[in-house]
Amino acid sequence: MFQFIMTNFNDILGAITSIIAGASALSALTPTQKDDTILRKVKSCLDLFALNIGNAKTRQA
């Protein structure tokens, strides 16, 4: 499994980045708050995986 991830790291990273960018664009284009809530949950999960905790988090407006 680790070998697969290391071999295909650039493709995996590109796919994850594309999914996040698409979800962000969809959230910005739709007027409802429900999809914004879902995206916020996904982002908080990604922040956890990226170890963006404490002072590393972006400030909420």
N, C-alpha and C. Protein backbone atom coordinates (compact mmCIF):
# COMPACT_ATOMS: atom_id res chain seq x y z
N MET A 1 0.83 -1.19 0.00
CA MET A 1 0.00 0.00 0.00
C MET A 1 0.88 1.26 0.00
N PHE A 2 1.87 1.28 0.88
CA PHE A 2 2.77 2.43 0.95
C PHE A 2 3.53 2.61 -0.36
N GLN A 3 3.93 1.50 -0.96
CA GLN A 3 4.65 1.55 -2.24
C GLN A 3 3.76 2.18 -3.32
N PHE A 4 2.49 1.80 -3.35
CA PHE A 4 1.54 2.36 -4.31
C PHE A 4 1.40 3.87 -4.12
N ILE A 5 1.25 4.29 -2.87
CA ILE A 5 1.10 5.72 -2.57
C ILE A 5 2.34 6.50 -3.00
N MET A 6 3.50 5.99 -2.68
CA MET A 6 4.73 6.69 -3.05
C MET A 6 4.93 6.74 -4.57
N THR A 7 4.55 5.66 -5.25
CA THR A 7 4.71 5.62 -6.70
C THR A 7 3.75 6.59 -7.39
N ASN A 8 2.54 6.72 -6.88
CA ASN A 8 1.51 7.54 -7.51
C ASN A 8 1.20 8.81 -6.73
N PHE A 9 2.15 9.29 -5.97
CA PHE A 9 1.91 10.44 -5.09
C PHE A 9 1.44 11.67 -5.86
N ASN A 10 2.06 11.98 -6.97
CA ASN A 10 1.69 13.18 -7.74
C ASN A 10 0.27 13.07 -8.28
N ASP A 11 -0.11 11.90 -8.76
CA ASP A 11 -1.47 11.71 -9.26
C ASP A 11 -2.50 11.80 -8.14
N ILE A 12 -2.20 11.22 -7.00
CA ILE A 12 -3.10 11.27 -5.85
C ILE A 12 -3.27 12.71 -5.37
N LEU A 13 -2.16 13.42 -5.26
CA LEU A 13 -2.21 14.81 -4.82
C LEU A 13 -3.00 15.67 -5.81
N GLY A 14 -2.81 15.44 -7.09
CA GLY A 14 -3.56 16.18 -8.11
C GLY A 14 -5.05 15.91 -8.03
N ALA A 15 -5.42 14.66 -7.78
CA ALA A 15 -6.84 14.31 -7.67
C ALA A 15 -7.46 14.96 -6.44
N ILE A 16 -6.77 14.91 -5.32
CA ILE A 16 -7.29 15.53 -4.09
C ILE A 16 -7.44 17.03 -4.27
N THR A 17 -6.46 17.66 -4.88
CA THR A 17 -6.51 19.10 -5.11
C THR A 17 -7.67 19.47 -6.03
N SER A 18 -7.89 18.67 -7.06
CA SER A 18 -8.99 18.93 -7.99
C SER A 18 -10.34 18.78 -7.30
N ILE A 19 -10.49 17.78 -6.45
CA ILE A 19 -11.75 17.58 -5.74
C ILE A 19 -12.04 18.75 -4.82
N ILE A 20 -11.02 19.20 -4.09
CA ILE A 20 -11.20 20.32 -3.18
C ILE A 20 -11.53 21.60 -3.94
N ALA A 21 -10.83 21.85 -5.05
CA ALA A 21 -11.10 23.05 -5.84
C ALA A 21 -12.51 23.01 -6.42
N GLY A 22 -12.94 21.86 -6.90
CA GLY A 22 -14.29 21.73 -7.44
C GLY A 22 -15.34 21.94 -6.38
N ALA A 23 -15.12 21.37 -5.21
CA ALA A 23 -16.08 21.54 -4.12
C ALA A 23 -16.14 23.00 -3.67
N SER A 24 -15.01 23.67 -3.63
CA SER A 24 -14.98 25.08 -3.26
C SER A 24 -15.72 25.93 -4.28
N ALA A 25 -15.51 25.65 -5.56
CA ALA A 25 -16.19 26.41 -6.61
C ALA A 25 -17.70 26.17 -6.54
N LEU A 26 -18.11 24.93 -6.33
CA LEU A 26 -19.53 24.62 -6.23
C LEU A 26 -20.16 25.32 -5.03
N SER A 27 -19.46 25.32 -3.94
CA SER A 27 -19.96 25.97 -2.74
C SER A 27 -20.09 27.48 -2.94
N ALA A 28 -19.16 28.06 -3.65
CA ALA A 28 -19.20 29.51 -3.88
C ALA A 28 -20.31 29.89 -4.87
N LEU A 29 -20.63 29.01 -5.80
CA LEU A 29 -21.61 29.33 -6.83
C LEU A 29 -23.05 29.07 -6.41
N THR A 30 -23.26 28.24 -5.41
CA THR A 30 -24.62 27.92 -5.00
C THR A 30 -25.04 28.81 -3.83
N PRO A 31 -26.30 29.21 -3.80
CA PRO A 31 -26.75 30.14 -2.77
C PRO A 31 -27.09 29.50 -1.42
N THR A 32 -27.13 28.18 -1.34
CA THR A 32 -27.55 27.54 -0.10
C THR A 32 -26.41 27.42 0.89
N GLN A 33 -26.74 27.33 2.15
CA GLN A 33 -25.74 27.18 3.20
C GLN A 33 -25.43 25.72 3.48
N LYS A 34 -26.29 24.79 3.03
CA LYS A 34 -26.09 23.38 3.34
C LYS A 34 -24.79 22.86 2.72
N ASP A 35 -24.51 23.19 1.47
CA ASP A 35 -23.27 22.72 0.87
C ASP A 35 -22.05 23.40 1.49
N ASP A 36 -22.23 24.63 1.95
CA ASP A 36 -21.13 25.30 2.65
C ASP A 36 -20.79 24.56 3.94
N THR A 37 -21.81 24.07 4.62
CA THR A 37 -21.61 23.31 5.86
C THR A 37 -20.85 22.02 5.58
N ILE A 38 -21.24 21.33 4.52
CA ILE A 38 -20.56 20.08 4.16
C ILE A 38 -19.10 20.35 3.82
N LEU A 39 -18.85 21.39 3.03
CA LEU A 39 -17.47 21.73 2.66
C LEU A 39 -16.66 22.12 3.89
N ARG A 40 -17.27 22.83 4.83
CA ARG A 40 -16.57 23.21 6.05
C ARG A 40 -16.15 21.97 6.85
N LYS A 41 -17.01 20.94 6.88
CA LYS A 41 -16.68 19.70 7.57
C LYS A 41 -15.53 18.97 6.88
N VAL A 42 -15.56 18.95 5.55
CA VAL A 42 -14.49 18.31 4.79
C VAL A 42 -13.18 19.05 5.03
N LYS A 43 -13.23 20.39 5.03
CA LYS A 43 -12.02 21.18 5.25
C LYS A 43 -11.45 20.96 6.65
N SER A 44 -12.33 20.86 7.64
CA SER A 44 -11.83 20.62 8.99
C SER A 44 -11.18 19.24 9.10
N CYS A 45 -11.71 18.27 8.39
CA CYS A 45 -11.10 16.94 8.37
C CYS A 45 -9.73 16.99 7.69
N LEU A 46 -9.64 17.72 6.58
CA LEU A 46 -8.36 17.87 5.89
C LEU A 46 -7.36 18.63 6.74
N ASP A 47 -7.82 19.63 7.48
CA ASP A 47 -6.93 20.36 8.39
C ASP A 47 -6.36 19.42 9.44
N LEU A 48 -7.19 18.51 9.92
CA LEU A 48 -6.73 17.55 10.91
C LEU A 48 -5.64 16.65 10.32
N PHE A 49 -5.87 16.14 9.10
CA PHE A 49 -4.87 15.29 8.45
C PHE A 49 -3.59 16.05 8.14
N ALA A 50 -3.71 17.36 7.85
CA ALA A 50 -2.54 18.17 7.53
C ALA A 50 -1.85 18.70 8.79
N LEU A 51 -2.39 18.34 9.94
CA LEU A 51 -1.87 18.78 11.23
C LEU A 51 -1.93 20.30 11.38
N ASN A 52 -2.95 20.90 10.77
CA ASN A 52 -3.19 22.34 10.92
C ASN A 52 -4.03 22.55 12.18
N ILE A 53 -3.36 22.53 13.30
CA ILE A 53 -4.06 22.67 14.57
C ILE A 53 -3.47 23.84 15.33
N GLY A 54 -4.21 24.35 16.28
CA GLY A 54 -3.72 25.46 17.08
C GLY A 54 -3.52 26.71 16.27
N ASN A 55 -2.34 27.27 16.30
CA ASN A 55 -2.04 28.53 15.63
C ASN A 55 -1.87 28.38 14.12
N ALA A 56 -1.78 27.15 13.61
CA ALA A 56 -1.58 26.94 12.18
C ALA A 56 -2.86 27.13 11.38
N LYS A 57 -4.02 27.14 12.04
CA LYS A 57 -5.28 27.30 11.34
C LYS A 57 -5.45 28.74 10.86
N THR A 58 -6.20 28.88 9.76
CA THR A 58 -6.52 30.22 9.28
C THR A 58 -7.57 30.83 10.16
N ARG A 59 -7.56 32.13 10.26
CA ARG A 59 -8.50 32.84 11.12
C ARG A 59 -9.89 32.87 10.47
N GLN A 60 -10.92 32.57 11.23
CA GLN A 60 -12.30 32.62 10.74
C GLN A 60 -12.77 34.06 10.75
N ALA A 61 -13.43 34.48 9.68
CA ALA A 61 -13.92 35.86 9.60
C ALA A 61 -15.27 35.99 10.24
